[in-house]
Protein backbone atom coordinates (compact mmCIF):
# COMPACT_ATOMS: atom_id res chain seq x y z
CA MET A 1 4.37 76.66 3.10
CA ARG A 2 4.28 80.18 1.65
CA ASN A 3 7.19 81.86 -0.12
CA ILE A 4 9.14 84.58 1.67
CA SER A 5 8.32 87.95 0.13
CA ASP A 6 10.35 91.16 -0.09
CA SER A 7 8.23 92.49 2.75
CA ASP A 8 9.21 89.53 4.94
CA VAL A 9 12.91 90.08 4.21
CA GLY A 10 12.60 93.76 5.02
CA SER A 11 10.82 92.91 8.24
CA LEU A 12 13.57 90.50 9.29
CA ARG A 13 16.36 93.01 8.59
CA THR A 14 14.76 96.13 9.96
CA GLY A 15 12.08 94.97 12.36
CA ARG A 16 9.58 96.93 10.24
CA PRO A 17 7.04 94.88 8.26
CA ASP A 18 6.33 97.83 5.94
CA VAL A 19 9.89 97.97 4.54
CA THR A 20 10.72 95.71 1.56
CA GLU A 21 14.18 94.46 0.66
CA SER A 22 14.36 96.74 -2.39
CA GLU A 23 13.45 99.75 -0.24
CA LEU A 24 16.12 98.76 2.26
CA VAL A 25 18.76 98.53 -0.49
CA GLU A 26 17.73 101.94 -1.85
CA GLN A 27 17.92 103.47 1.64
CA GLN A 28 21.43 102.08 2.13
CA ARG A 29 22.46 103.40 -1.30
CA THR A 30 21.13 106.86 -0.44
CA GLU A 31 22.95 106.89 2.90
CA THR A 32 26.17 105.92 1.13
CA HIS A 33 25.76 108.73 -1.40
CA ASP A 34 25.01 111.22 1.38
CA GLN A 35 28.22 110.19 3.14
CA GLU A 36 30.17 110.57 -0.11
CA ASP A 37 28.69 114.04 -0.58
CA LEU A 38 29.83 115.01 2.91
CA GLU A 39 33.34 113.76 2.16
CA ALA A 40 33.40 115.84 -1.03
CA LEU A 41 32.37 118.95 0.90
CA LYS A 42 35.19 118.68 3.40
CA THR A 43 37.92 121.26 2.87
CA GLY A 44 40.95 121.98 4.96
CA THR A 45 42.38 125.22 6.24
CA THR A 46 43.92 126.95 9.24
CA THR A 47 42.52 130.25 10.52
CA ILE A 48 43.65 132.10 13.63
CA GLY A 49 42.21 135.07 15.50
CA VAL A 50 43.79 137.02 18.38
CA ARG A 51 42.29 139.98 20.22
CA THR A 52 44.37 142.64 21.99
CA GLU A 53 43.61 145.99 23.58
CA ASP A 54 44.48 147.74 20.31
CA GLY A 55 42.64 145.54 17.83
CA VAL A 56 42.22 142.10 16.32
CA VAL A 57 44.52 140.03 14.12
CA LEU A 58 43.15 137.36 11.77
CA VAL A 59 45.59 135.07 9.94
CA THR A 60 44.73 132.34 7.43
CA ASP A 61 46.50 130.11 4.93
CA ARG A 62 45.60 130.24 1.20
CA ARG A 63 45.10 126.60 0.19
CA ALA A 64 41.77 125.09 -0.82
CA SER A 65 41.50 121.32 -1.08
CA LEU A 66 39.06 118.81 -2.48
CA GLY A 67 39.72 115.47 -0.84
CA ARG A 68 43.41 114.77 -1.43
CA MET A 69 43.76 117.30 -4.25
CA VAL A 70 44.87 120.93 -3.89
CA SER A 71 42.13 122.71 -5.83
CA SER A 72 43.52 126.24 -5.38
CA LYS A 73 46.65 127.90 -4.01
CA THR A 74 45.37 131.48 -3.89
CA VAL A 75 42.12 131.42 -1.92
CA GLN A 76 41.46 134.46 0.26
CA LYS A 77 39.96 133.10 3.47
CA VAL A 78 39.63 136.40 5.32
CA GLU A 79 37.23 139.02 3.95
CA ASN A 80 35.84 142.37 5.05
CA ILE A 81 32.21 142.56 6.08
CA THR A 82 32.37 146.27 6.95
CA ASP A 83 35.27 148.72 7.14
CA PHE A 84 35.76 147.65 10.76
CA SER A 85 35.05 143.93 10.67
CA ALA A 86 36.29 140.83 8.89
CA ILE A 87 35.48 137.13 8.79
CA THR A 88 37.62 134.05 8.22
CA ILE A 89 36.23 130.96 6.53
CA SER A 90 36.84 127.25 6.88
CA GLY A 91 34.69 124.53 5.39
CA SER A 92 32.68 124.57 2.18
CA VAL A 93 33.98 127.30 -0.13
CA SER A 94 30.71 127.89 -2.00
CA ALA A 95 28.68 128.13 1.21
CA ALA A 96 31.24 130.48 2.76
CA GLN A 97 31.25 132.78 -0.27
CA ASN A 98 27.46 132.94 -0.22
CA LEU A 99 27.51 133.62 3.52
CA ILE A 100 29.91 136.55 3.07
CA ARG A 101 27.79 138.10 0.31
CA THR A 102 24.65 137.74 2.41
CA LEU A 103 26.29 139.22 5.51
CA ARG A 104 27.53 142.21 3.54
CA ALA A 105 24.12 142.82 2.00
CA GLU A 106 22.20 142.51 5.27
CA THR A 107 24.71 144.68 7.13
CA SER A 108 24.58 147.38 4.46
CA LEU A 109 20.77 147.31 4.54
CA TYR A 110 20.75 147.58 8.35
CA GLU A 111 23.15 150.54 8.37
CA THR A 112 21.23 152.32 5.59
CA ARG A 113 17.91 151.96 7.40
CA ARG A 114 19.25 152.85 10.84
CA GLY A 115 21.73 155.51 9.76
CA GLN A 116 24.41 154.07 12.03
CA ASP A 117 27.10 151.40 12.00
CA ILE A 118 26.13 147.94 13.17
CA SER A 119 27.69 146.93 16.49
CA MET A 120 29.93 143.87 16.67
CA THR A 121 27.43 142.23 19.03
CA GLY A 122 24.69 142.78 16.46
CA LEU A 123 26.86 141.47 13.62
CA SER A 124 27.87 138.41 15.63
CA THR A 125 24.20 137.63 16.33
CA LEU A 126 23.30 138.05 12.66
CA LEU A 127 26.04 135.61 11.66
CA SER A 128 24.95 133.15 14.34
CA ASN A 129 21.36 133.26 13.06
CA PHE A 130 22.50 132.55 9.50
CA LEU A 131 24.54 129.54 10.60
CA ARG A 132 21.71 128.24 12.76
CA SER A 133 19.35 128.33 9.77
CA GLY A 134 21.26 125.47 8.16
CA ALA A 135 21.60 127.29 4.84
CA TYR A 136 25.39 127.50 5.19
CA PHE A 137 26.22 123.88 5.92
CA ILE A 138 29.79 123.08 6.98
CA VAL A 139 31.05 126.65 7.45
CA VAL A 140 32.99 127.41 10.64
CA PRO A 141 34.00 131.10 10.73
CA LEU A 142 35.83 133.46 13.05
CA LEU A 143 34.56 137.05 13.24
CA GLY A 144 36.73 139.95 14.32
CA GLY A 145 36.00 143.65 14.49
CA TYR A 146 36.22 146.99 16.22
CA ASP A 147 33.33 149.19 17.42
CA ASP A 148 32.58 151.81 20.08
CA GLU A 149 33.21 149.22 22.80
CA GLY A 150 36.62 148.26 21.41
CA PRO A 151 37.95 145.12 19.70
CA HIS A 152 35.96 141.86 19.54
CA LEU A 153 36.68 138.30 18.43
CA PHE A 154 33.92 135.71 18.07
CA SER A 155 34.29 131.97 17.53
CA TYR A 156 31.51 129.82 16.03
CA ASP A 157 30.57 126.21 15.59
CA ALA A 158 28.82 124.87 12.49
CA LEU A 159 25.38 125.11 14.13
CA GLY A 160 25.66 128.79 15.05
CA GLY A 161 26.93 128.57 18.60
CA VAL A 162 29.03 131.64 19.37
CA THR A 163 31.49 132.66 22.10
CA GLU A 164 33.63 135.77 22.47
CA GLU A 165 37.30 134.85 22.88
CA GLU A 166 40.74 136.32 23.45
CA TYR A 167 42.09 133.96 20.78
CA ALA A 168 40.55 131.24 18.62
CA VAL A 169 41.34 128.77 15.83
CA SER A 170 39.31 126.92 13.20
CA GLY A 171 39.93 124.49 10.38
CA SER A 172 41.71 121.20 9.84
CA GLY A 173 45.02 122.58 11.12
CA SER A 174 43.56 123.69 14.46
CA GLN A 175 45.11 120.92 16.54
CA PHE A 176 48.59 121.86 15.33
CA ALA A 177 48.11 125.63 15.58
CA LEU A 178 46.44 125.79 18.98
CA GLY A 179 49.41 124.49 20.95
CA VAL A 180 51.74 127.10 19.46
CA LEU A 181 49.19 129.86 19.96
CA GLU A 182 48.60 128.97 23.61
CA GLN A 183 52.34 128.89 24.24
CA GLN A 184 52.95 132.32 22.72
CA TYR A 185 49.79 134.15 23.78
CA GLU A 186 50.14 136.55 26.70
CA GLU A 187 47.47 138.73 28.25
CA GLY A 188 48.13 142.37 27.41
CA MET A 189 50.37 141.59 24.43
CA SER A 190 50.70 144.18 21.66
CA LEU A 191 49.01 143.90 18.29
CA ASP A 192 52.38 143.26 16.63
CA ASP A 193 53.17 140.45 19.05
CA ALA A 194 49.70 138.98 18.51
CA GLU A 195 50.29 139.04 14.77
CA SER A 196 53.63 137.24 15.17
CA ALA A 197 52.04 134.60 17.41
CA ALA A 198 49.16 134.03 14.99
CA ILE A 199 51.50 133.71 12.01
CA ALA A 200 53.71 131.26 13.92
CA ALA A 201 50.63 129.18 14.75
CA VAL A 202 49.55 129.02 11.10
CA LEU A 203 53.08 128.10 10.00
CA SER A 204 53.18 125.24 12.50
CA ALA A 205 49.92 123.91 11.06
CA VAL A 206 51.27 124.20 7.52
CA GLU A 207 54.15 121.91 8.48
CA ARG A 208 51.81 119.06 9.51
CA ASP A 209 48.39 119.64 7.93
CA THR A 210 48.37 118.70 4.24
CA ALA A 211 45.23 120.79 3.67
CA SER A 212 46.94 124.04 4.76
CA GLY A 213 49.64 125.99 2.94
CA ASN A 214 50.58 128.23 -0.01
CA GLY A 215 51.19 131.44 1.91
CA VAL A 216 48.99 133.44 4.26
CA HIS A 217 46.67 136.42 4.53
CA VAL A 218 47.03 138.71 7.54
CA ALA A 219 44.21 141.07 8.57
CA ARG A 220 44.68 143.79 11.20
CA ILE A 221 41.50 145.42 12.49
CA THR A 222 41.86 148.58 14.59
CA GLU A 223 39.95 151.79 15.27
CA GLU A 224 41.37 153.07 11.96
CA GLY A 225 39.85 150.26 9.90
CA THR A 226 40.87 146.93 8.40
CA ASP A 227 44.07 146.19 6.52
CA ILE A 228 44.59 142.83 4.77
CA THR A 229 48.07 141.81 3.58
CA GLU A 230 48.81 138.85 1.31
CA PHE A 231 51.96 136.71 1.33
CA ASP A 232 52.20 134.29 -1.59
CA SER A 233 54.67 131.88 0.00
CA ILE A 234 55.85 130.65 3.37
CA ASP A 235 59.30 132.14 2.69
CA ALA A 236 57.72 135.57 2.17
CA VAL A 237 55.94 135.25 5.51
CA ARG A 238 59.15 134.33 7.32
CA GLN A 239 60.96 137.29 5.78
CA TYR A 240 58.12 139.57 6.91
CA GLN A 241 58.43 138.29 10.47
């Protein structure tokens, strides 16, 4: 009777005669580490976008989290790409920051070469291509802007899928914010009313989502450009409303 080798054990466990027990253990260890890395990359946030006839409103909270720890209370999650466009970020902070820098550089290069502003459709496609490349893993943005065709709001998934929306949410607080936003959104509403609805949606998420909080940023994008306002506490936001 022959002794059972590592190869035999691997064959019994995996159905593959070429896999030894030690290789199987190493594979399981690698998969465990990969899962832990994914958990470490998860960050929470709440970002809201609403489009009206006059422009686009983007509202985000300011908290960054690492697991159960609040790693920052002052993160700006909405940033200009051009004078007439802005992006919100949810997901991996480092990947999102790199994505924003790359978008700005590519957009500036395009406009310098062409001698004209990039359209929102063109910018949305550029962002989609970057996400689809896989270089910006776990980033789920919203893109808002204003061009010759008027205001635009685009929603993305992590793999680069894009849809143009009247309103959209992203981040860990989405499930809490979406109900409030759907209740308050009305077709044809003014930019001020859209801003109030978006802020209310973020505040509702802050009440229930532990990964959202510490004030908000509000971006208004119109034919005159982009204006971003910071509120360092929830009380300051409520007073503003």
